[in-house]
C-alpha atoms as a PDB file:
ATOM      1  CA  MET A   1       0.127  -0.252   0.086  1.00  0.00           C
ATOM      2  CA  THR A   2       1.328   3.173  -1.113  1.00  0.00           C
ATOM      3  CA  GLU A   3       1.366   6.366   1.468  1.00  0.00           C
ATOM      4  CA  ASN A   4      -1.021   8.373  -0.606  1.00  0.00           C
ATOM      5  CA  GLU A   5      -3.443   5.372  -0.413  1.00  0.00           C
ATOM      6  CA  ARG A   6      -3.003   5.339   3.638  1.00  0.00           C
ATOM      7  CA  ILE A   7      -3.607   8.866   3.540  1.00  0.00           C
ATOM      8  CA  ILE A   8      -7.070   8.476   1.782  1.00  0.00           C
ATOM      9  CA  ARG A   9      -8.239   5.591   3.649  1.00  0.00           C
ATOM     10  CA  LYS A  10      -7.481   7.375   6.742  1.00  0.00           C
ATOM     11  CA  LEU A  11     -10.008  10.054   5.270  1.00  0.00           C
ATOM     12  CA  TYR A  12     -12.732   7.722   4.801  1.00  0.00           C
ATOM     13  CA  ASP A  13     -12.017   6.107   8.481  1.00  0.00           C
ATOM     14  CA  VAL A  14     -12.556   9.193   9.676  1.00  0.00           C
ATOM     15  CA  ALA A  15     -15.578   9.685   8.041  1.00  0.00           C
ATOM     16  CA  GLU A  16     -16.965   6.743   9.067  1.00  0.00           C
ATOM     17  CA  VAL A  17     -16.458   7.780  12.791  1.00  0.00           C
ATOM     18  CA  GLN A  18     -17.930  11.135  12.114  1.00  0.00           C
ATOM     19  CA  ASP A  19     -15.120  12.981  12.936  1.00  0.00           C
ATOM     20  CA  SER A  20     -15.364  16.332  10.597  1.00  0.00           C
ATOM     21  CA  ARG A  21     -12.315  18.125  12.836  1.00  0.00           C
ATOM     22  CA  ALA A  22      -9.850  15.513  11.847  1.00  0.00           C
ATOM     23  CA  PHE A  23     -11.130  14.812   8.230  1.00  0.00           C
ATOM     24  CA  THR A  24     -11.157  18.857   7.562  1.00  0.00           C
ATOM     25  CA  GLU A  25      -7.281  18.423   8.926  1.00  0.00           C
ATOM     26  CA  LEU A  26      -6.459  15.961   6.293  1.00  0.00           C
ATOM     27  CA  PHE A  27      -6.661  19.043   3.706  1.00  0.00           C
ATOM     28  CA  THR A  28      -4.334  21.412   2.303  1.00  0.00           C
ATOM     29  CA  PRO A  29      -4.700  25.318   3.779  1.00  0.00           C
ATOM     30  CA  ASP A  30      -6.308  25.679   0.108  1.00  0.00           C
ATOM     31  CA  GLY A  31      -7.457  22.627  -0.734  1.00  0.00           C
ATOM     32  CA  TYR A  32     -11.635  21.795  -1.138  1.00  0.00           C
ATOM     33  CA  PHE A  33     -13.616  19.060  -1.044  1.00  0.00           C
ATOM     34  CA  TRP A  34     -16.384  18.993  -4.468  1.00  0.00           C
ATOM     35  CA  ASP A  35     -19.838  17.630  -3.988  1.00  0.00           C
ATOM     36  CA  VAL A  36     -20.287  17.358  -7.533  1.00  0.00           C
ATOM     37  CA  SER A  37     -24.034  15.595  -7.871  1.00  0.00           C
ATOM     38  CA  ALA A  38     -24.927  18.637  -5.120  1.00  0.00           C
ATOM     39  CA  GLY A  39     -23.333  21.188  -6.680  1.00  0.00           C
ATOM     40  CA  GLN A  40     -21.145  22.093  -3.971  1.00  0.00           C
ATOM     41  CA  LYS A  41     -17.976  22.956  -2.788  1.00  0.00           C
ATOM     42  CA  TYR A  42     -16.104  23.250   0.433  1.00  0.00           C
ATOM     43  CA  TYR A  43     -13.391  25.612   1.647  1.00  0.00           C
ATOM     44  CA  GLY A  44     -11.245  25.854   4.778  1.00  0.00           C
ATOM     45  CA  ALA A  45     -13.064  24.720   8.193  1.00  0.00           C
ATOM     46  CA  ASP A  46     -16.251  24.041   5.785  1.00  0.00           C
ATOM     47  CA  ILE A  47     -14.812  20.967   4.322  1.00  0.00           C
ATOM     48  CA  GLY A  48     -15.825  19.254   7.341  1.00  0.00           C
ATOM     49  CA  ASN A  49     -19.892  20.281   6.674  1.00  0.00           C
ATOM     50  CA  VAL A  50     -19.954  17.078   4.304  1.00  0.00           C
ATOM     51  CA  VAL A  51     -19.413  14.504   6.697  1.00  0.00           C
ATOM     52  CA  ASP A  52     -21.990  16.160   9.275  1.00  0.00           C
ATOM     53  CA  ILE A  53     -24.420  16.696   6.602  1.00  0.00           C
ATOM     54  CA  TYR A  54     -24.157  12.863   5.954  1.00  0.00           C
ATOM     55  CA  ALA A  55     -24.233  11.773   9.389  1.00  0.00           C
ATOM     56  CA  LYS A  56     -27.151  13.959  10.156  1.00  0.00           C
ATOM     57  CA  ALA A  57     -29.055  11.978   7.497  1.00  0.00           C
ATOM     58  CA  PHE A  58     -27.847   8.870   7.661  1.00  0.00           C
ATOM     59  CA  PRO A  59     -26.395   8.070  11.175  1.00  0.00           C
ATOM     60  CA  ASP A  60     -25.659   4.366  10.304  1.00  0.00           C
ATOM     61  CA  MET A  61     -23.382   5.459   7.247  1.00  0.00           C
ATOM     62  CA  HIS A  62     -21.074   3.198   5.935  1.00  0.00           C
ATOM     63  CA  ARG A  63     -18.748   3.965   3.188  1.00  0.00           C
ATOM     64  CA  ALA A  64     -17.585   0.321   1.411  1.00  0.00           C
ATOM     65  CA  LEU A  65     -14.789   0.485  -0.315  1.00  0.00           C
ATOM     66  CA  GLU A  66     -14.756  -1.564  -3.590  1.00  0.00           C
ATOM     67  CA  LEU A  67     -11.536  -0.372  -5.597  1.00  0.00           C
ATOM     68  CA  ILE A  68      -8.458   1.917  -5.278  1.00  0.00           C
ATOM     69  CA  TYR A  69      -6.495   3.276  -7.783  1.00  0.00           C
ATOM     70  CA  VAL A  70      -3.283   5.125  -7.048  1.00  0.00           C
ATOM     71  CA  THR A  71      -1.112   6.854  -9.743  1.00  0.00           C
ATOM     72  CA  GLY A  72       1.351   9.066  -8.210  1.00  0.00           C
ATOM     73  CA  ASP A  73      -0.551  11.985  -6.287  1.00  0.00           C
ATOM     74  CA  ILE A  74      -3.798  10.758  -7.651  1.00  0.00           C
ATOM     75  CA  VAL A  75      -5.796   8.364  -5.980  1.00  0.00           C
ATOM     76  CA  VAL A  76      -9.334   6.853  -7.260  1.00  0.00           C
ATOM     77  CA  VAL A  77     -11.992   5.460  -5.314  1.00  0.00           C
ATOM     78  CA  GLU A  78     -15.195   3.518  -6.228  1.00  0.00           C
ATOM     79  CA  LEU A  79     -17.013   2.797  -3.099  1.00  0.00           C
ATOM     80  CA  SER A  80     -20.823   2.354  -2.006  1.00  0.00           C
ATOM     81  CA  LEU A  81     -22.550   4.903   0.475  1.00  0.00           C
ATOM     82  CA  ASN A  82     -24.776   2.672   2.549  1.00  0.00           C
ATOM     83  CA  GLY A  83     -27.273   4.092   5.364  1.00  0.00           C
ATOM     84  CA  THR A  84     -30.570   4.290   6.307  1.00  0.00           C
ATOM     85  CA  HIS A  85     -31.893   7.819   5.991  1.00  0.00           C
ATOM     86  CA  LYS A  86     -33.306   8.494   9.741  1.00  0.00           C
ATOM     87  CA  GLY A  87     -32.622  12.437   9.252  1.00  0.00           C
ATOM     88  CA  PRO A  88     -33.073  15.564   7.093  1.00  0.00           C
ATOM     89  CA  LEU A  89     -30.735  15.681   4.279  1.00  0.00           C
ATOM     90  CA  ALA A  90     -29.562  18.924   3.287  1.00  0.00           C
ATOM     91  CA  LEU A  91     -29.058  20.166  -0.453  1.00  0.00           C
ATOM     92  CA  SER A  92     -28.952  23.576  -1.587  1.00  0.00           C
ATOM     93  CA  ALA A  93     -32.334  23.170  -2.649  1.00  0.00           C
ATOM     94  CA  GLY A  94     -33.668  22.835   0.595  1.00  0.00           C
ATOM     95  CA  ALA A  95     -33.794  19.512   2.956  1.00  0.00           C
ATOM     96  CA  ILE A  96     -35.372  16.102   2.833  1.00  0.00           C
ATOM     97  CA  PRO A  97     -36.996  14.879   5.816  1.00  0.00           C
ATOM     98  CA  ALA A  98     -36.120  11.525   6.979  1.00  0.00           C
ATOM     99  CA  THR A  99     -38.191   8.674   4.895  1.00  0.00           C
ATOM    100  CA  GLY A 100     -37.053   5.421   6.814  1.00  0.00           C
ATOM    101  CA  MET A 101     -35.402   4.556   3.427  1.00  0.00           C
ATOM    102  CA  VAL A 102     -32.505   2.847   2.798  1.00  0.00           C
ATOM    103  CA  MET A 103     -29.134   3.505   0.555  1.00  0.00           C
ATOM    104  CA  HIS A 104     -26.789   1.540  -1.284  1.00  0.00           C
ATOM    105  CA  THR A 105     -25.535   4.017  -3.571  1.00  0.00           C
ATOM    106  CA  PRO A 106     -22.388   3.931  -5.902  1.00  0.00           C
ATOM    107  CA  CYS A 107     -19.902   6.974  -6.256  1.00  0.00           C
ATOM    108  CA  CYS A 108     -16.400   7.153  -7.522  1.00  0.00           C
ATOM    109  CA  ASP A 109     -13.874   9.721  -5.809  1.00  0.00           C
ATOM    110  CA  VAL A 110     -11.065  11.199  -7.241  1.00  0.00           C
ATOM    111  CA  PHE A 111      -8.299  12.910  -5.260  1.00  0.00           C
ATOM    112  CA  HIS A 112      -5.060  14.968  -5.414  1.00  0.00           C
ATOM    113  CA  LEU A 113      -2.455  14.882  -3.070  1.00  0.00           C
ATOM    114  CA  GLU A 114      -0.375  17.334  -2.230  1.00  0.00           C
ATOM    115  CA  ASN A 115       3.098  16.994   0.553  1.00  0.00           C
ATOM    116  CA  GLY A 116       0.812  14.323   2.305  1.00  0.00           C
ATOM    117  CA  LYS A 117      -2.486  16.046   2.162  1.00  0.00           C
ATOM    118  CA  VAL A 118      -5.579  16.208   0.488  1.00  0.00           C
ATOM    119  CA  LYS A 119      -5.836  19.548  -2.168  1.00  0.00           C
ATOM    120  CA  SER A 120      -8.501  18.365  -3.761  1.00  0.00           C
ATOM    121  CA  PHE A 121     -11.399  15.316  -3.484  1.00  0.00           C
ATOM    122  CA  HIS A 122     -14.467  15.377  -6.463  1.00  0.00           C
ATOM    123  CA  CYS A 123     -16.713  13.390  -5.154  1.00  0.00           C
ATOM    124  CA  TYR A 124     -18.943  11.814  -7.555  1.00  0.00           C
ATOM    125  CA  THR A 125     -21.982  10.107  -6.125  1.00  0.00           C
ATOM    126  CA  ALA A 126     -24.854   8.518  -8.281  1.00  0.00           C
ATOM    127  CA  ALA A 127     -27.681  11.322  -7.659  1.00  0.00           C
ATOM    128  CA  THR A 128     -30.438   9.764  -9.242  1.00  0.00           C
ATOM    129  CA  ILE A 129     -30.143   5.926  -7.468  1.00  0.00           C
ATOM    130  CA  LEU A 130     -29.815   7.985  -4.226  1.00  0.00           C
ATOM    131  CA  MET A 131     -32.948   9.584  -4.759  1.00  0.00           C
ATOM    132  CA  ALA A 132     -34.916   6.618  -6.013  1.00  0.00           C
ATOM    133  CA  GLN A 133     -33.629   4.491  -2.959  1.00  0.00           C
ATOM    134  CA  LEU A 134     -34.893   7.147  -0.879  1.00  0.00           C
ATOM    135  CA  GLY A 135     -38.402   7.040  -2.647  1.00  0.00           C
ATOM    136  CA  VAL A 136     -38.335  10.927  -4.075  1.00  0.00           C
ATOM    137  CA  LEU A 137     -36.991  10.783  -7.485  1.00  0.00           C
ATOM    138  CA  GLY A 138     -40.511  10.962  -8.940  1.00  0.00           C
ATOM    139  CA  ASN A 139     -41.192  14.301  -7.162  1.00  0.00           C
ATOM    140  CA  LEU A 140     -37.993  16.125  -6.246  1.00  0.00           C
ATOM    141  CA  GLN A 141     -40.117  19.233  -5.096  1.00  0.00           C
ATOM    142  CA  ALA A 142     -42.536  17.535  -3.270  1.00  0.00           C
ATOM    143  CA  ALA A 143     -39.362  16.011  -1.195  1.00  0.00           C
ATOM    144  CA  ILE A 144     -38.218  18.728  -0.665  1.00  0.00           C
ATOM    145  CA  ALA A 145     -40.899  21.180   0.363  1.00  0.00           C
ATOM    146  CA  GLY A 146     -42.084  18.599   3.193  1.00  0.00           C
END
């Protein structure tokens, strides 16, 4: 296992225990997290918000790492996001109240590392699959309005 793979595995480990501060500390000072499907970029202390958002919506969230590809300072991870929707899921358009539905959503994460820290994290969650699994894809606007 390379050092860059160890760093990324540690990032997932701290996300699993919902430690948003430790998650943020693994980024460079100018690093960022881009939640591509949500259209949100997070910088600085706000990077940990992603961990908090998913922890609130899916308190039993588990990230199942399937494949990890490392080439130099780039690490790509294929995984699934798994959990039960027990709290509000905050989106830029509003929040989806808890549905009680279980998700097993495919995801691909692309990391660029610099000097042992994450410079950028692009998260490509299969949002349409996630919304379908939560039972809100057919009427997303109604789901957000609550």
